[in-house]
Amino acid sequence: MVSISQNPLPNALPDWRNFGTVLRVLLGANLVLALAALLLPGELAGWPERYVLLAAWGEPPLLATLGILALLRDVLWRLVLWQGRVFTVGLAGLTALLQYHLWLWLGLADSTAWGSAQAALYGIVLAAALLHYLELRARAHSPAIAEARLMALNARIRPHFLFNAINAALSLIRAQPKQAENALETISGLFRAALRDPTDWLPLSEEIALCRQYLELEKLRLGERLQVEWDIHSVPLDAPIPPLMLQPLVENAIFHGIEPANEGGTLRIMFSASNDELTIEVANPNCSAPRQARGNQMALANIRERLALYYDLEARLEIDQTGPLYRIRIVLPCTTKKDRSPS
């Protein structure tokens, strides 16, 4: 099972390759340096200069530590927790010490009796504080809490999803009973997918197959008003993604872009992969009916929150509503299950 949190286990070390983790460490460290610059002797007007000086001392060892931790992430995950913590703070102290001696060699710092010890201590204290913050945040966003939130968000998706599918089958019972029977069999498969554990990821190929089933039912309901074009470019179909990631985008496009138009329209579903990123784009005619605006924003807010719970800051949702098409694009890190969980 793949974890939905940025930390694979509630009490494990952070994922040092996660963009959100790195960004929070950088922001936290710079905040500490900014506060330290305020506490140093001198006038307030000289604070920016003091901050730049502290940042020039603190940033290189910080970036070096983050780089080493990212390279050794999988190794650190296999260690006992306290060993990983000791290694992390020890590495921070070592890089700070090396930075101090580099400045001595360059003539940018004065040698003092306790200079080396102070430099190492500053690195250790800062690393310990940031590590403690990340662990507190991981507990606050524990897998149990995130899973409960995901279940609530998925519950909002299911009613529209299943209601439309059942309506499509009901419309066929009298006129085309055999087709209605096939539709009900398809609905049973959709029910199983809708009830899937939100923490169980699935291959992209299964998500595409599920979406094709859903579109078959919508075609029964909308007929020729719904046209679908698929565009898949060399994407890794075995790449794991969260369940019901594509289907809500498609449902949103049909509900807000195809169904309100009397003549219907064409739904375009495009996939591409590049630079370790998987891009999924759904485009529909740009229908700006005022009565649909609120529901559209609620649906997109749901998708954004699910992306944040699954990927933290590593995924993004983009909207392009210029021109005749309304495009929703989600960009996901194209990772394997091994990349997202410790072995």
Protein backbone atom coordinates (compact mmCIF):
# COMPACT_ATOMS: atom_id res chain seq x y z
CA MET A 1 0.00 0.00 0.00
CA VAL A 2 1.27 3.48 -0.87
CA SER A 3 1.17 6.15 1.80
CA ILE A 4 -0.93 9.23 1.21
CA SER A 5 1.15 11.46 3.43
CA GLN A 6 4.42 13.12 2.68
CA ASN A 7 5.95 10.84 5.32
CA PRO A 8 5.60 7.12 4.59
CA LEU A 9 5.04 6.31 8.27
CA PRO A 10 3.59 8.55 11.02
CA ASN A 11 6.87 8.62 12.99
CA ALA A 12 9.36 8.25 10.13
CA LEU A 13 11.86 10.78 8.85
CA PRO A 14 10.49 13.27 6.33
CA ASP A 15 10.69 12.64 2.60
CA TRP A 16 13.68 14.82 1.73
CA ARG A 17 12.84 14.56 -1.98
CA ASN A 18 9.41 16.06 -1.44
CA PHE A 19 9.17 19.62 -2.74
CA GLY A 20 6.86 20.65 0.09
CA THR A 21 9.30 19.37 2.72
CA VAL A 22 12.27 21.14 1.15
CA LEU A 23 10.32 24.38 0.78
CA ARG A 24 9.20 24.33 4.42
CA VAL A 25 12.76 23.70 5.61
CA LEU A 26 14.10 26.59 3.53
CA LEU A 27 11.37 28.96 4.69
CA GLY A 28 11.77 27.88 8.32
CA ALA A 29 15.55 28.26 8.28
CA ASN A 30 15.36 31.70 6.69
CA LEU A 31 12.76 32.78 9.23
CA VAL A 32 15.14 31.76 12.03
CA LEU A 33 18.00 33.66 10.37
CA ALA A 34 15.79 36.73 9.96
CA LEU A 35 14.85 36.66 13.66
CA ALA A 36 18.50 36.16 14.62
CA ALA A 37 19.44 39.21 12.55
CA LEU A 38 16.91 41.26 14.54
CA LEU A 39 18.43 40.10 17.84
CA LEU A 40 22.01 40.95 16.88
CA PRO A 41 23.37 44.29 18.14
CA GLY A 42 22.85 47.22 15.80
CA GLU A 43 20.25 49.59 14.53
CA LEU A 44 17.05 48.38 12.89
CA ALA A 45 18.07 49.98 9.60
CA GLY A 46 21.00 47.58 9.44
CA TRP A 47 18.80 44.49 9.75
CA PRO A 48 18.74 43.61 6.02
CA GLU A 49 22.54 43.69 5.88
CA ARG A 50 22.84 41.48 8.95
CA TYR A 51 20.26 39.06 7.53
CA VAL A 52 22.12 38.78 4.21
CA LEU A 53 25.33 38.06 6.11
CA LEU A 54 23.66 35.32 8.18
CA ALA A 55 22.00 33.87 5.10
CA ALA A 56 25.35 33.78 3.30
CA TRP A 57 26.69 31.74 6.21
CA GLY A 58 23.65 29.53 6.72
CA GLU A 59 22.38 28.75 3.20
CA PRO A 60 25.34 26.76 1.80
CA PRO A 61 25.46 24.17 4.62
CA LEU A 62 21.66 24.03 4.62
CA LEU A 63 21.48 23.28 0.89
CA ALA A 64 24.35 20.80 1.15
CA THR A 65 22.58 18.99 4.00
CA LEU A 66 19.30 18.83 2.08
CA GLY A 67 21.08 17.49 -0.99
CA ILE A 68 22.82 14.71 0.96
CA LEU A 69 19.61 13.80 2.80
CA ALA A 70 17.75 13.59 -0.51
CA LEU A 71 20.38 11.26 -1.96
CA LEU A 72 20.35 9.05 1.15
CA ARG A 73 16.59 9.15 1.73
CA ASP A 74 15.92 5.44 1.13
CA VAL A 75 18.92 4.42 3.24
CA LEU A 76 17.80 6.64 6.12
CA TRP A 77 14.28 5.19 5.98
CA ARG A 78 15.76 1.76 6.62
CA LEU A 79 17.49 2.90 9.80
CA VAL A 80 15.99 2.84 13.27
CA LEU A 81 14.21 6.17 13.79
CA TRP A 82 16.60 7.53 16.41
CA GLN A 83 19.56 6.65 14.22
CA GLY A 84 18.07 8.58 11.32
CA ARG A 85 17.47 11.60 13.54
CA VAL A 86 21.00 11.52 14.95
CA PHE A 87 22.44 11.25 11.45
CA THR A 88 20.34 14.20 10.25
CA VAL A 89 21.31 16.62 13.02
CA GLY A 90 24.91 15.35 12.98
CA LEU A 91 25.15 15.98 9.26
CA ALA A 92 23.83 19.51 9.75
CA GLY A 93 26.45 20.15 12.43
CA LEU A 94 29.23 18.77 10.21
CA THR A 95 28.29 20.89 7.19
CA ALA A 96 28.10 23.99 9.39
CA LEU A 97 31.54 23.19 10.78
CA LEU A 98 32.98 22.72 7.28
CA GLN A 99 31.41 26.01 6.21
CA TYR A 100 33.07 27.78 9.14
CA HIS A 101 36.51 26.41 8.26
CA LEU A 102 35.98 27.31 4.60
CA TRP A 103 35.33 30.90 5.64
CA LEU A 104 38.46 30.82 7.80
CA TRP A 105 40.49 29.60 4.83
CA LEU A 106 39.04 32.35 2.63
CA GLY A 107 39.74 34.96 5.29
CA LEU A 108 36.04 35.80 5.69
CA ALA A 109 35.83 34.85 9.38
CA ASP A 110 37.98 35.34 12.47
CA SER A 111 39.33 32.35 14.31
CA THR A 112 38.14 32.07 17.92
CA ALA A 113 38.64 29.51 20.66
CA TRP A 114 35.06 28.26 20.47
CA GLY A 115 34.36 29.11 16.83
CA SER A 116 34.26 25.53 15.57
CA ALA A 117 32.09 24.33 18.44
CA GLN A 118 29.69 27.25 18.01
CA ALA A 119 29.34 26.67 14.27
CA ALA A 120 28.57 22.97 14.76
CA LEU A 121 26.18 23.73 17.62
CA TYR A 122 24.25 26.28 15.53
CA GLY A 123 23.82 23.71 12.76
CA ILE A 124 22.70 20.99 15.17
CA VAL A 125 20.21 23.22 17.00
CA LEU A 126 18.67 24.55 13.76
CA ALA A 127 18.40 21.05 12.27
CA ALA A 128 16.85 19.65 15.45
CA ALA A 129 14.30 22.47 15.57
CA LEU A 130 13.28 22.05 11.92
CA LEU A 131 13.16 18.26 12.25
CA HIS A 132 10.93 18.58 15.31
CA TYR A 133 8.61 20.94 13.40
CA LEU A 134 8.33 18.50 10.49
CA GLU A 135 7.57 15.63 12.87
CA LEU A 136 4.87 17.67 14.62
CA ARG A 137 3.39 18.53 11.25
CA ALA A 138 3.50 14.87 10.19
CA ARG A 139 1.56 13.90 13.33
CA ALA A 140 -0.99 16.65 12.67
CA HIS A 141 -1.36 15.33 9.12
CA SER A 142 -1.09 11.69 10.06
CA PRO A 143 -2.22 9.01 7.59
CA ALA A 144 -5.32 8.29 9.71
CA ILE A 145 -6.43 11.93 9.59
CA ALA A 146 -5.59 12.27 5.91
CA GLU A 147 -7.41 9.03 5.10
CA ALA A 148 -10.53 10.24 6.92
CA ARG A 149 -10.40 13.51 5.00
CA LEU A 150 -9.95 11.66 1.71
CA MET A 151 -12.91 9.42 2.47
CA ALA A 152 -15.03 12.52 3.10
CA LEU A 153 -13.87 14.10 -0.17
CA ASN A 154 -14.48 10.89 -2.12
CA ALA A 155 -17.95 10.68 -0.60
CA ARG A 156 -18.75 14.00 -2.24
CA ILE A 157 -17.69 12.58 -5.61
CA ARG A 158 -19.72 9.37 -5.47
CA PRO A 159 -23.33 10.68 -5.43
CA HIS A 160 -23.08 12.47 -8.82
CA PHE A 161 -20.95 9.68 -10.21
CA LEU A 162 -23.38 6.89 -9.33
CA PHE A 163 -26.61 8.89 -9.73
CA ASN A 164 -25.80 9.69 -13.37
CA ALA A 165 -24.80 6.07 -14.04
CA ILE A 166 -28.06 4.70 -12.61
CA ASN A 167 -30.14 7.25 -14.53
CA ALA A 168 -28.46 6.18 -17.76
CA ALA A 169 -29.41 2.54 -17.09
CA LEU A 170 -33.00 3.41 -16.11
CA SER A 171 -33.53 5.22 -19.39
CA LEU A 172 -32.85 1.96 -21.26
CA ILE A 173 -34.89 -0.56 -19.27
CA ARG A 174 -38.07 -0.42 -21.38
CA ALA A 175 -36.72 0.38 -24.82
CA GLN A 176 -33.47 -1.62 -24.76
CA PRO A 177 -33.55 -4.18 -21.90
CA LYS A 178 -30.43 -6.07 -23.08
CA GLN A 179 -28.42 -2.85 -23.21
CA ALA A 180 -29.80 -1.87 -19.81
CA GLU A 181 -28.60 -5.20 -18.40
CA ASN A 182 -25.11 -4.53 -19.77
CA ALA A 183 -25.24 -1.05 -18.30
CA LEU A 184 -26.10 -2.41 -14.87
CA GLU A 185 -23.13 -4.79 -15.06
CA THR A 186 -20.94 -1.79 -15.84
CA ILE A 187 -22.44 0.10 -12.90
CA SER A 188 -21.51 -2.76 -10.56
CA GLY A 189 -17.89 -2.32 -11.64
CA LEU A 190 -18.15 1.43 -11.07
CA PHE A 191 -19.59 0.82 -7.61
CA ARG A 192 -16.59 -1.33 -6.71
CA ALA A 193 -14.25 1.40 -7.92
CA ALA A 194 -16.14 4.09 -6.03
CA LEU A 195 -15.91 2.08 -2.81
CA ARG A 196 -12.17 1.50 -3.20
CA ASP A 197 -9.99 2.40 -0.23
CA PRO A 198 -8.68 5.92 -1.00
CA THR A 199 -5.20 4.92 0.19
CA ASP A 200 -4.92 2.10 -2.39
CA TRP A 201 -3.35 3.49 -5.52
CA LEU A 202 -3.93 1.85 -8.90
CA PRO A 203 -2.17 1.78 -12.29
CA LEU A 204 -3.02 4.55 -14.71
CA SER A 205 -4.37 1.95 -17.13
CA GLU A 206 -7.08 0.94 -14.61
CA GLU A 207 -8.09 4.57 -14.06
CA ILE A 208 -8.40 5.01 -17.84
CA ALA A 209 -10.47 1.82 -18.13
CA LEU A 210 -12.77 3.03 -15.35
CA CYS A 211 -13.21 6.36 -17.11
CA ARG A 212 -14.06 4.63 -20.39
CA GLN A 213 -16.78 2.66 -18.60
CA TYR A 214 -18.17 5.83 -17.11
CA LEU A 215 -18.18 7.53 -20.53
CA GLU A 216 -20.06 4.58 -22.04
CA LEU A 217 -22.86 5.15 -19.55
CA GLU A 218 -22.86 8.90 -20.18
CA LYS A 219 -23.10 8.21 -23.91
CA LEU A 220 -26.27 6.22 -23.21
CA ARG A 221 -27.70 9.25 -21.42
CA LEU A 222 -26.50 12.03 -23.74
CA GLY A 223 -26.34 10.17 -27.05
CA GLU A 224 -24.68 12.01 -29.92
CA ARG A 225 -24.45 15.19 -27.85
CA LEU A 226 -21.35 13.70 -26.24
CA GLN A 227 -18.31 13.07 -28.42
CA VAL A 228 -15.04 11.90 -26.87
CA GLU A 229 -11.49 12.17 -28.20
CA TRP A 230 -8.58 10.39 -26.49
CA ASP A 231 -4.99 11.51 -26.96
CA ILE A 232 -2.35 9.40 -25.18
CA HIS A 233 1.34 10.02 -25.87
CA SER A 234 3.82 7.44 -24.58
CA VAL A 235 2.65 7.59 -20.98
CA PRO A 236 3.62 4.88 -18.46
CA LEU A 237 0.34 3.02 -18.09
CA ASP A 238 1.68 1.17 -15.05
CA ALA A 239 2.40 4.41 -13.17
CA PRO A 240 0.50 4.36 -9.84
CA ILE A 241 -1.98 7.18 -9.27
CA PRO A 242 -4.67 7.75 -6.63
CA PRO A 243 -8.13 6.32 -7.34
CA LEU A 244 -10.80 8.49 -9.00
CA MET A 245 -8.28 11.06 -10.19
CA LEU A 246 -9.40 11.23 -13.83
CA GLN A 247 -13.12 10.41 -13.54
CA PRO A 248 -14.08 13.53 -11.49
CA LEU A 249 -12.37 15.74 -14.10
CA VAL A 250 -14.35 14.04 -16.86
CA GLU A 251 -17.61 14.24 -14.92
CA ASN A 252 -16.96 17.91 -14.17
CA ALA A 253 -16.35 18.60 -17.87
CA ILE A 254 -19.56 16.83 -18.94
CA PHE A 255 -21.71 18.44 -16.25
CA HIS A 256 -20.44 21.99 -16.81
CA GLY A 257 -19.38 21.98 -20.45
CA ILE A 258 -21.31 19.38 -22.47
CA GLU A 259 -24.68 18.92 -20.78
CA PRO A 260 -25.72 22.62 -20.59
CA ALA A 261 -25.20 23.10 -24.35
CA ASN A 262 -28.17 22.11 -26.51
CA GLU A 263 -25.88 20.79 -29.23
CA GLY A 264 -23.54 19.10 -26.79
CA GLY A 265 -19.86 19.09 -27.65
CA THR A 266 -16.60 17.19 -27.81
CA LEU A 267 -14.73 16.12 -24.70
CA ARG A 268 -10.96 15.82 -25.18
CA ILE A 269 -8.88 13.74 -22.77
CA MET A 270 -5.11 14.03 -23.22
CA PHE A 271 -2.17 12.39 -21.48
CA SER A 272 1.53 13.12 -21.77
CA ALA A 273 4.67 12.40 -19.76
CA SER A 274 7.92 14.34 -19.61
CA ASN A 275 10.62 15.18 -17.07
CA ASP A 276 9.25 12.67 -14.55
CA GLU A 277 5.84 14.37 -14.66
CA LEU A 278 2.51 12.95 -15.81
CA THR A 279 0.09 15.48 -17.29
CA ILE A 280 -3.64 14.78 -17.58
CA GLU A 281 -5.71 17.36 -19.42
CA VAL A 282 -9.47 17.41 -19.93
CA ALA A 283 -10.93 19.99 -22.31
CA ASN A 284 -14.56 20.81 -23.05
CA PRO A 285 -16.47 23.64 -24.76
CA ASN A 286 -16.26 26.83 -22.71
CA CYS A 287 -19.80 27.12 -21.34
CA SER A 288 -19.98 30.04 -18.89
CA ALA A 289 -23.55 29.59 -17.66
CA PRO A 290 -23.90 31.53 -14.35
CA ARG A 291 -25.89 28.75 -12.70
CA GLN A 292 -22.96 26.37 -13.12
CA ALA A 293 -20.23 28.62 -11.67
CA ARG A 294 -20.59 27.71 -8.00
CA GLY A 295 -20.81 23.97 -8.59
CA ASN A 296 -17.75 24.11 -10.85
CA GLN A 297 -15.68 25.89 -8.19
CA MET A 298 -16.75 23.37 -5.54
CA ALA A 299 -15.73 20.47 -7.78
CA LEU A 300 -12.34 22.02 -8.51
CA ALA A 301 -11.78 22.80 -4.83
CA ASN A 302 -12.46 19.13 -4.07
CA ILE A 303 -9.90 18.02 -6.66
CA ARG A 304 -7.31 20.52 -5.37
CA GLU A 305 -7.68 19.29 -1.81
CA ARG A 306 -7.36 15.66 -2.84
CA LEU A 307 -4.20 16.50 -4.79
CA ALA A 308 -2.77 18.27 -1.74
CA LEU A 309 -3.52 15.28 0.50
CA TYR A 310 -2.01 12.81 -1.92
CA TYR A 311 0.98 14.77 -3.19
CA ASP A 312 1.50 17.75 -0.87
CA LEU A 313 3.05 20.46 -3.11
CA GLU A 314 4.36 18.10 -5.77
CA ALA A 315 1.19 18.17 -7.88
CA ARG A 316 -0.63 21.13 -9.36
CA LEU A 317 -3.96 21.90 -10.99
CA GLU A 318 -4.05 24.44 -13.81
CA ILE A 319 -7.09 26.01 -15.49
CA ASP A 320 -7.13 27.66 -18.90
CA GLN A 321 -10.48 29.16 -19.87
CA THR A 322 -9.29 31.43 -22.66
CA GLY A 323 -10.66 30.74 -26.10
CA PRO A 324 -13.38 28.28 -27.06
CA LEU A 325 -12.21 25.49 -24.74
CA TYR A 326 -12.20 25.18 -20.96
CA ARG A 327 -9.12 23.17 -20.02
CA ILE A 328 -8.34 21.56 -16.68
CA ARG A 329 -4.84 20.18 -16.39
CA ILE A 330 -3.34 18.27 -13.49
CA VAL A 331 0.39 17.59 -13.33
CA LEU A 332 1.49 14.69 -11.12
CA PRO A 333 4.95 13.42 -10.23
CA CYS A 334 5.50 10.34 -12.35
CA THR A 335 6.84 8.07 -9.60
CA THR A 336 6.81 4.40 -8.81
CA LYS A 337 5.48 2.82 -5.64
CA LYS A 338 9.03 2.19 -4.52
CA ASP A 339 9.74 5.94 -4.73
CA ARG A 340 6.87 6.75 -2.39
CA SER A 341 7.35 4.23 0.36
CA PRO A 342 10.26 2.84 2.30
CA SER A 343 11.35 -0.72 1.68
